[in-house]
Amino acid sequence: MSEPSQQERIIVADDHPVFRDGLCRIAQRVFPQAEILEAGDMDEVLSLARGGKAPRLFMLDLLFPGQSPHAISALRQEFQRSSIVIVSMVDNRELIDEVMASGADGFIGKATPPEEIAESLLAVCAGEFVMALGPSGVPDFAENRHLLEQLTPRQQDVLRLVVRGLSNKEIARELDISPFTVRIHVSSLLRTLDVSTRAAAAGIGAKAGLV
């Protein structure tokens, strides 16, 4: 008789207890069967992560003790099957790109409404690449082509392949660039198109005829 599977674990790390508690409540609502673990610095994150079954999801602030793009990269290498989501007030474009290139699966701004945070967490755990920087509208059909014109030629190349359903690794091979560079382009085009997910970006590209 096989042993029952271990409870899924989610680690929420932020050095502000009030905000950390709010994220824990959102995570518990989205994943009611999961064990939610709290950490105030990266040492605690690693101790918790290594103390049992690999976490299903890490929800990490970007500015707390021990945190950095390098730390995210190391976390990604050690926990390759876990989802990593950064939840932060940081709005520096270069830093966000560096974080995404380091291996994060999603970036959520702290101004994002709780309902959208919940949707973003579900999307990431379903394999989506998410960029949710706050309240935003969905562009209508008439705006799609204008939005695409704001992308760089390389970002349009990447989006064209996203529309075709290629993964980051497949796009990297197709364009002869690294998967990390692909991550940077994808995060940048999500911001430019003002959408939260890769699927939404693909929808805009497809409606605008980018195939």
C-alpha atoms as a PDB file:
ATOM      1  CA  MET A   1       0.000   0.000   0.000  1.00  0.00           C
ATOM      2  CA  SER A   2       1.469   3.354  -1.047  1.00  0.00           C
ATOM      3  CA  GLU A   3       2.005   6.102   1.485  1.00  0.00           C
ATOM      4  CA  PRO A   4      -0.266   9.166   1.233  1.00  0.00           C
ATOM      5  CA  SER A   5       1.300  12.051  -0.644  1.00  0.00           C
ATOM      6  CA  GLN A   6       2.747  14.858   1.444  1.00  0.00           C
ATOM      7  CA  GLN A   7       0.836  18.112   1.784  1.00  0.00           C
ATOM      8  CA  GLU A   8       1.847  20.766  -0.752  1.00  0.00           C
ATOM      9  CA  ARG A   9       3.851  23.604   0.729  1.00  0.00           C
ATOM     10  CA  ILE A  10       3.938  27.315  -0.132  1.00  0.00           C
ATOM     11  CA  ILE A  11       6.550  29.684   1.283  1.00  0.00           C
ATOM     12  CA  VAL A  12       5.659  33.362   1.675  1.00  0.00           C
ATOM     13  CA  ALA A  13       8.604  35.663   2.436  1.00  0.00           C
ATOM     14  CA  ASP A  14       8.401  39.350   3.288  1.00  0.00           C
ATOM     15  CA  ASP A  15      10.042  41.277   6.128  1.00  0.00           C
ATOM     16  CA  HIS A  16       6.856  43.295   6.762  1.00  0.00           C
ATOM     17  CA  PRO A  17       4.611  41.069   8.955  1.00  0.00           C
ATOM     18  CA  VAL A  18       1.344  42.795   8.019  1.00  0.00           C
ATOM     19  CA  PHE A  19       1.866  42.469   4.297  1.00  0.00           C
ATOM     20  CA  ARG A  20       3.222  38.936   4.699  1.00  0.00           C
ATOM     21  CA  ASP A  21       0.060  37.998   6.573  1.00  0.00           C
ATOM     22  CA  GLY A  22      -2.046  39.412   3.746  1.00  0.00           C
ATOM     23  CA  LEU A  23      -0.168  37.350   1.152  1.00  0.00           C
ATOM     24  CA  CYS A  24      -0.564  34.250   3.304  1.00  0.00           C
ATOM     25  CA  ARG A  25      -4.316  34.779   3.420  1.00  0.00           C
ATOM     26  CA  ILE A  26      -4.473  35.099  -0.374  1.00  0.00           C
ATOM     27  CA  ALA A  27      -2.317  31.988  -0.842  1.00  0.00           C
ATOM     28  CA  GLN A  28      -4.460  29.988   1.590  1.00  0.00           C
ATOM     29  CA  ARG A  29      -7.617  31.024  -0.238  1.00  0.00           C
ATOM     30  CA  VAL A  30      -6.161  30.035  -3.615  1.00  0.00           C
ATOM     31  CA  PHE A  31      -4.617  26.779  -2.345  1.00  0.00           C
ATOM     32  CA  PRO A  32      -6.841  25.723   0.584  1.00  0.00           C
ATOM     33  CA  GLN A  33      -5.181  22.315   1.001  1.00  0.00           C
ATOM     34  CA  ALA A  34      -1.616  23.674   1.074  1.00  0.00           C
ATOM     35  CA  GLU A  35       0.575  24.326   4.100  1.00  0.00           C
ATOM     36  CA  ILE A  36       1.516  28.014   4.127  1.00  0.00           C
ATOM     37  CA  LEU A  37       4.941  28.750   5.640  1.00  0.00           C
ATOM     38  CA  GLU A  38       6.201  32.248   6.521  1.00  0.00           C
ATOM     39  CA  ALA A  39       9.735  33.630   6.324  1.00  0.00           C
ATOM     40  CA  GLY A  40      11.281  37.020   7.031  1.00  0.00           C
ATOM     41  CA  ASP A  41      14.597  36.589   5.233  1.00  0.00           C
ATOM     42  CA  MET A  42      16.279  34.349   2.665  1.00  0.00           C
ATOM     43  CA  ASP A  43      17.959  32.167   5.297  1.00  0.00           C
ATOM     44  CA  GLU A  44      14.527  31.274   6.655  1.00  0.00           C
ATOM     45  CA  VAL A  45      13.267  30.640   3.115  1.00  0.00           C
ATOM     46  CA  LEU A  46      16.047  28.142   2.456  1.00  0.00           C
ATOM     47  CA  SER A  47      15.684  26.465   5.858  1.00  0.00           C
ATOM     48  CA  LEU A  48      11.951  25.949   5.317  1.00  0.00           C
ATOM     49  CA  ALA A  49      12.365  24.860   1.694  1.00  0.00           C
ATOM     50  CA  ARG A  50      14.987  22.266   2.577  1.00  0.00           C
ATOM     51  CA  GLY A  51      13.085  21.000   5.600  1.00  0.00           C
ATOM     52  CA  GLY A  52      10.559  18.887   3.732  1.00  0.00           C
ATOM     53  CA  LYS A  53       8.894  18.344   0.393  1.00  0.00           C
ATOM     54  CA  ALA A  54       9.994  20.876  -2.238  1.00  0.00           C
ATOM     55  CA  PRO A  55       7.563  23.831  -2.146  1.00  0.00           C
ATOM     56  CA  ARG A  56       4.983  24.120  -4.884  1.00  0.00           C
ATOM     57  CA  LEU A  57       5.350  27.890  -4.814  1.00  0.00           C
ATOM     58  CA  PHE A  58       7.643  30.593  -3.444  1.00  0.00           C
ATOM     59  CA  MET A  59       6.105  34.058  -2.980  1.00  0.00           C
ATOM     60  CA  LEU A  60       8.992  36.430  -2.309  1.00  0.00           C
ATOM     61  CA  ASP A  61       9.421  40.147  -1.808  1.00  0.00           C
ATOM     62  CA  LEU A  62      12.354  41.594  -3.731  1.00  0.00           C
ATOM     63  CA  LEU A  63      13.735  43.728  -0.913  1.00  0.00           C
ATOM     64  CA  PHE A  64      14.400  41.776   2.267  1.00  0.00           C
ATOM     65  CA  PRO A  65      17.540  40.372   3.947  1.00  0.00           C
ATOM     66  CA  GLY A  66      19.468  37.991   1.714  1.00  0.00           C
ATOM     67  CA  GLN A  67      17.290  38.576  -1.336  1.00  0.00           C
ATOM     68  CA  SER A  68      18.777  39.457  -4.748  1.00  0.00           C
ATOM     69  CA  PRO A  69      18.600  38.355  -8.401  1.00  0.00           C
ATOM     70  CA  HIS A  70      21.538  36.067  -7.622  1.00  0.00           C
ATOM     71  CA  ALA A  71      19.618  34.485  -4.743  1.00  0.00           C
ATOM     72  CA  ILE A  72      16.633  33.946  -7.041  1.00  0.00           C
ATOM     73  CA  SER A  73      18.899  32.268  -9.592  1.00  0.00           C
ATOM     74  CA  ALA A  74      20.301  29.948  -6.913  1.00  0.00           C
ATOM     75  CA  LEU A  75      16.772  29.155  -5.692  1.00  0.00           C
ATOM     76  CA  ARG A  76      15.693  28.320  -9.238  1.00  0.00           C
ATOM     77  CA  GLN A  77      18.629  25.967  -9.725  1.00  0.00           C
ATOM     78  CA  GLU A  78      17.967  24.142  -6.450  1.00  0.00           C
ATOM     79  CA  PHE A  79      14.162  23.961  -6.761  1.00  0.00           C
ATOM     80  CA  GLN A  80      13.633  23.540 -10.484  1.00  0.00           C
ATOM     81  CA  ARG A  81      10.050  22.285 -10.228  1.00  0.00           C
ATOM     82  CA  SER A  82       8.853  24.975  -7.836  1.00  0.00           C
ATOM     83  CA  SER A  83       7.155  28.150  -9.067  1.00  0.00           C
ATOM     84  CA  ILE A  84       8.802  31.413  -8.034  1.00  0.00           C
ATOM     85  CA  VAL A  85       6.742  34.599  -7.859  1.00  0.00           C
ATOM     86  CA  ILE A  86       8.127  37.981  -6.822  1.00  0.00           C
ATOM     87  CA  VAL A  87       5.648  40.322  -5.087  1.00  0.00           C
ATOM     88  CA  SER A  88       7.200  43.772  -4.722  1.00  0.00           C
ATOM     89  CA  MET A  89       6.748  47.529  -4.859  1.00  0.00           C
ATOM     90  CA  VAL A  90       9.858  47.796  -7.054  1.00  0.00           C
ATOM     91  CA  ASP A  91       9.105  49.363 -10.444  1.00  0.00           C
ATOM     92  CA  ASN A  92      12.630  49.647 -11.837  1.00  0.00           C
ATOM     93  CA  ARG A  93      12.419  48.176 -15.331  1.00  0.00           C
ATOM     94  CA  GLU A  94      16.030  46.973 -15.502  1.00  0.00           C
ATOM     95  CA  LEU A  95      15.797  45.286 -12.091  1.00  0.00           C
ATOM     96  CA  ILE A  96      12.519  43.576 -12.960  1.00  0.00           C
ATOM     97  CA  ASP A  97      14.052  42.261 -16.186  1.00  0.00           C
ATOM     98  CA  GLU A  98      17.059  40.989 -14.239  1.00  0.00           C
ATOM     99  CA  VAL A  99      14.786  39.243 -11.738  1.00  0.00           C
ATOM    100  CA  MET A 100      12.801  37.526 -14.487  1.00  0.00           C
ATOM    101  CA  ALA A 101      15.964  36.480 -16.288  1.00  0.00           C
ATOM    102  CA  SER A 102      17.213  34.990 -13.023  1.00  0.00           C
ATOM    103  CA  GLY A 103      14.434  32.435 -13.060  1.00  0.00           C
ATOM    104  CA  ALA A 104      11.278  33.961 -11.571  1.00  0.00           C
ATOM    105  CA  ASP A 105       8.024  32.768 -13.141  1.00  0.00           C
ATOM    106  CA  GLY A 106       6.075  35.870 -12.280  1.00  0.00           C
ATOM    107  CA  PHE A 107       6.295  39.431 -10.963  1.00  0.00           C
ATOM    108  CA  ILE A 108       3.339  40.962  -9.119  1.00  0.00           C
ATOM    109  CA  GLY A 109       3.251  44.569  -7.996  1.00  0.00           C
ATOM    110  CA  LYS A 110       2.076  45.175  -4.442  1.00  0.00           C
ATOM    111  CA  ALA A 111      -0.527  47.602  -5.779  1.00  0.00           C
ATOM    112  CA  THR A 112      -2.223  44.713  -7.597  1.00  0.00           C
ATOM    113  CA  PRO A 113      -5.735  43.952  -6.251  1.00  0.00           C
ATOM    114  CA  PRO A 114      -6.016  40.726  -4.196  1.00  0.00           C
ATOM    115  CA  GLU A 115      -8.290  39.112  -6.791  1.00  0.00           C
ATOM    116  CA  GLU A 116      -5.717  39.680  -9.529  1.00  0.00           C
ATOM    117  CA  ILE A 117      -2.917  38.386  -7.287  1.00  0.00           C
ATOM    118  CA  ALA A 118      -4.951  35.209  -6.768  1.00  0.00           C
ATOM    119  CA  GLU A 119      -5.524  34.819 -10.512  1.00  0.00           C
ATOM    120  CA  SER A 120      -1.830  35.393 -11.173  1.00  0.00           C
ATOM    121  CA  LEU A 121      -0.809  32.705  -8.685  1.00  0.00           C
ATOM    122  CA  LEU A 122      -3.118  30.197 -10.352  1.00  0.00           C
ATOM    123  CA  ALA A 123      -1.754  31.155 -13.770  1.00  0.00           C
ATOM    124  CA  VAL A 124       1.861  30.690 -12.673  1.00  0.00           C
ATOM    125  CA  CYS A 125       1.138  27.299 -11.144  1.00  0.00           C
ATOM    126  CA  ALA A 126      -0.558  26.324 -14.404  1.00  0.00           C
ATOM    127  CA  GLY A 127       2.652  27.081 -16.275  1.00  0.00           C
ATOM    128  CA  GLU A 128       1.999  30.694 -17.282  1.00  0.00           C
ATOM    129  CA  PHE A 129       4.567  33.492 -17.228  1.00  0.00           C
ATOM    130  CA  VAL A 130       2.933  36.395 -15.362  1.00  0.00           C
ATOM    131  CA  MET A 131       3.648  40.119 -15.146  1.00  0.00           C
ATOM    132  CA  ALA A 132       1.015  41.934 -13.061  1.00  0.00           C
ATOM    133  CA  LEU A 133       2.133  45.414 -12.097  1.00  0.00           C
ATOM    134  CA  GLY A 134      -1.201  46.795 -10.923  1.00  0.00           C
ATOM    135  CA  PRO A 135      -4.670  47.692 -12.156  1.00  0.00           C
ATOM    136  CA  SER A 136      -4.832  47.674 -15.925  1.00  0.00           C
ATOM    137  CA  GLY A 137      -7.362  47.457 -18.692  1.00  0.00           C
ATOM    138  CA  VAL A 138      -7.393  44.952 -21.537  1.00  0.00           C
ATOM    139  CA  PRO A 139      -6.702  46.623 -24.901  1.00  0.00           C
ATOM    140  CA  ASP A 140      -9.482  46.329 -27.455  1.00  0.00           C
ATOM    141  CA  PHE A 141      -9.022  45.185 -31.035  1.00  0.00           C
ATOM    142  CA  ALA A 142      -8.393  48.671 -32.403  1.00  0.00           C
ATOM    143  CA  GLU A 143      -5.479  49.151 -30.026  1.00  0.00           C
ATOM    144  CA  ASN A 144      -3.709  45.870 -30.741  1.00  0.00           C
ATOM    145  CA  ARG A 145      -1.728  46.886 -33.806  1.00  0.00           C
ATOM    146  CA  HIS A 146      -0.787  50.225 -32.231  1.00  0.00           C
ATOM    147  CA  LEU A 147       0.555  48.353 -29.204  1.00  0.00           C
ATOM    148  CA  LEU A 148       2.597  46.030 -31.393  1.00  0.00           C
ATOM    149  CA  GLU A 149       4.204  49.032 -33.062  1.00  0.00           C
ATOM    150  CA  GLN A 150       5.616  49.977 -29.641  1.00  0.00           C
ATOM    151  CA  LEU A 151       7.543  46.708 -29.438  1.00  0.00           C
ATOM    152  CA  THR A 152      11.127  46.472 -30.657  1.00  0.00           C
ATOM    153  CA  PRO A 153      11.736  44.269 -33.722  1.00  0.00           C
ATOM    154  CA  ARG A 154      13.228  41.572 -31.478  1.00  0.00           C
ATOM    155  CA  GLN A 155      10.264  41.707 -29.091  1.00  0.00           C
ATOM    156  CA  GLN A 156       7.971  41.278 -32.100  1.00  0.00           C
ATOM    157  CA  ASP A 157      10.029  38.248 -33.154  1.00  0.00           C
ATOM    158  CA  VAL A 158       9.610  36.760 -29.693  1.00  0.00           C
ATOM    159  CA  LEU A 159       5.885  37.538 -29.568  1.00  0.00           C
ATOM    160  CA  ARG A 160       5.386  35.955 -32.996  1.00  0.00           C
ATOM    161  CA  LEU A 161       6.839  32.725 -31.632  1.00  0.00           C
ATOM    162  CA  VAL A 162       4.798  33.036 -28.432  1.00  0.00           C
ATOM    163  CA  VAL A 163       1.692  33.242 -30.641  1.00  0.00           C
ATOM    164  CA  ARG A 164       2.825  30.000 -32.284  1.00  0.00           C
ATOM    165  CA  GLY A 165       2.909  28.372 -28.857  1.00  0.00           C
ATOM    166  CA  LEU A 166       6.676  27.950 -28.512  1.00  0.00           C
ATOM    167  CA  SER A 167       8.271  27.686 -25.070  1.00  0.00           C
ATOM    168  CA  ASN A 168      11.130  29.947 -23.954  1.00  0.00           C
ATOM    169  CA  LYS A 169      13.667  27.224 -24.747  1.00  0.00           C
ATOM    170  CA  GLU A 170      12.185  26.706 -28.204  1.00  0.00           C
ATOM    171  CA  ILE A 171      12.172  30.451 -28.867  1.00  0.00           C
ATOM    172  CA  ALA A 172      15.801  30.636 -27.756  1.00  0.00           C
ATOM    173  CA  ARG A 173      16.772  27.939 -30.257  1.00  0.00           C
ATOM    174  CA  GLU A 174      14.723  29.539 -33.030  1.00  0.00           C
ATOM    175  CA  LEU A 175      16.305  32.977 -32.539  1.00  0.00           C
ATOM    176  CA  ASP A 176      19.744  31.694 -31.498  1.00  0.00           C
ATOM    177  CA  ILE A 177      19.668  33.549 -28.169  1.00  0.00           C
ATOM    178  CA  SER A 178      19.734  32.354 -24.546  1.00  0.00           C
ATOM    179  CA  PRO A 179      16.571  31.378 -22.616  1.00  0.00           C
ATOM    180  CA  PHE A 180      17.454  34.114 -20.110  1.00  0.00           C
ATOM    181  CA  THR A 181      17.379  36.709 -22.913  1.00  0.00           C
ATOM    182  CA  VAL A 182      14.010  35.348 -23.983  1.00  0.00           C
ATOM    183  CA  ARG A 183      12.713  35.868 -20.430  1.00  0.00           C
ATOM    184  CA  ILE A 184      13.816  39.501 -20.559  1.00  0.00           C
ATOM    185  CA  HIS A 185      12.061  40.063 -23.889  1.00  0.00           C
ATOM    186  CA  VAL A 186       8.866  38.367 -22.687  1.00  0.00           C
ATOM    187  CA  SER A 187       8.707  40.395 -19.463  1.00  0.00           C
ATOM    188  CA  SER A 188       9.346  43.611 -21.414  1.00  0.00           C
ATOM    189  CA  LEU A 189       6.663  42.944 -24.008  1.00  0.00           C
ATOM    190  CA  LEU A 190       4.127  42.059 -21.300  1.00  0.00           C
ATOM    191  CA  ARG A 191       4.712  45.488 -19.748  1.00  0.00           C
ATOM    192  CA  THR A 192       4.512  47.244 -23.100  1.00  0.00           C
ATOM    193  CA  LEU A 193       1.285  45.461 -24.040  1.00  0.00           C
ATOM    194  CA  ASP A 194      -0.051  46.143 -20.515  1.00  0.00           C
ATOM    195  CA  VAL A 195      -1.126  42.545 -19.921  1.00  0.00           C
ATOM    196  CA  SER A 196      -0.386  40.153 -17.095  1.00  0.00           C
ATOM    197  CA  THR A 197       0.138  36.833 -18.842  1.00  0.00           C
ATOM    198  CA  ARG A 198       1.896  35.283 -21.806  1.00  0.00           C
ATOM    199  CA  ALA A 199      -1.456  33.948 -23.045  1.00  0.00           C
ATOM    200  CA  ALA A 200      -2.958  37.453 -23.078  1.00  0.00           C
ATOM    201  CA  ALA A 201       0.037  38.750 -25.045  1.00  0.00           C
ATOM    202  CA  ALA A 202      -0.362  35.908 -27.533  1.00  0.00           C
ATOM    203  CA  GLY A 203      -4.024  36.845 -27.928  1.00  0.00           C
ATOM    204  CA  ILE A 204      -3.125  40.447 -28.787  1.00  0.00           C
ATOM    205  CA  GLY A 205      -0.493  39.299 -31.251  1.00  0.00           C
ATOM    206  CA  ALA A 206      -2.863  36.872 -32.930  1.00  0.00           C
ATOM    207  CA  LYS A 207      -5.681  39.448 -33.232  1.00  0.00           C
ATOM    208  CA  ALA A 208      -3.237  41.907 -34.760  1.00  0.00           C
ATOM    209  CA  GLY A 209      -2.165  39.334 -37.356  1.00  0.00           C
ATOM    210  CA  LEU A 210       1.270  38.662 -35.884  1.00  0.00           C
ATOM    211  CA  VAL A 211       1.792  35.065 -37.045  1.00  0.00           C
END
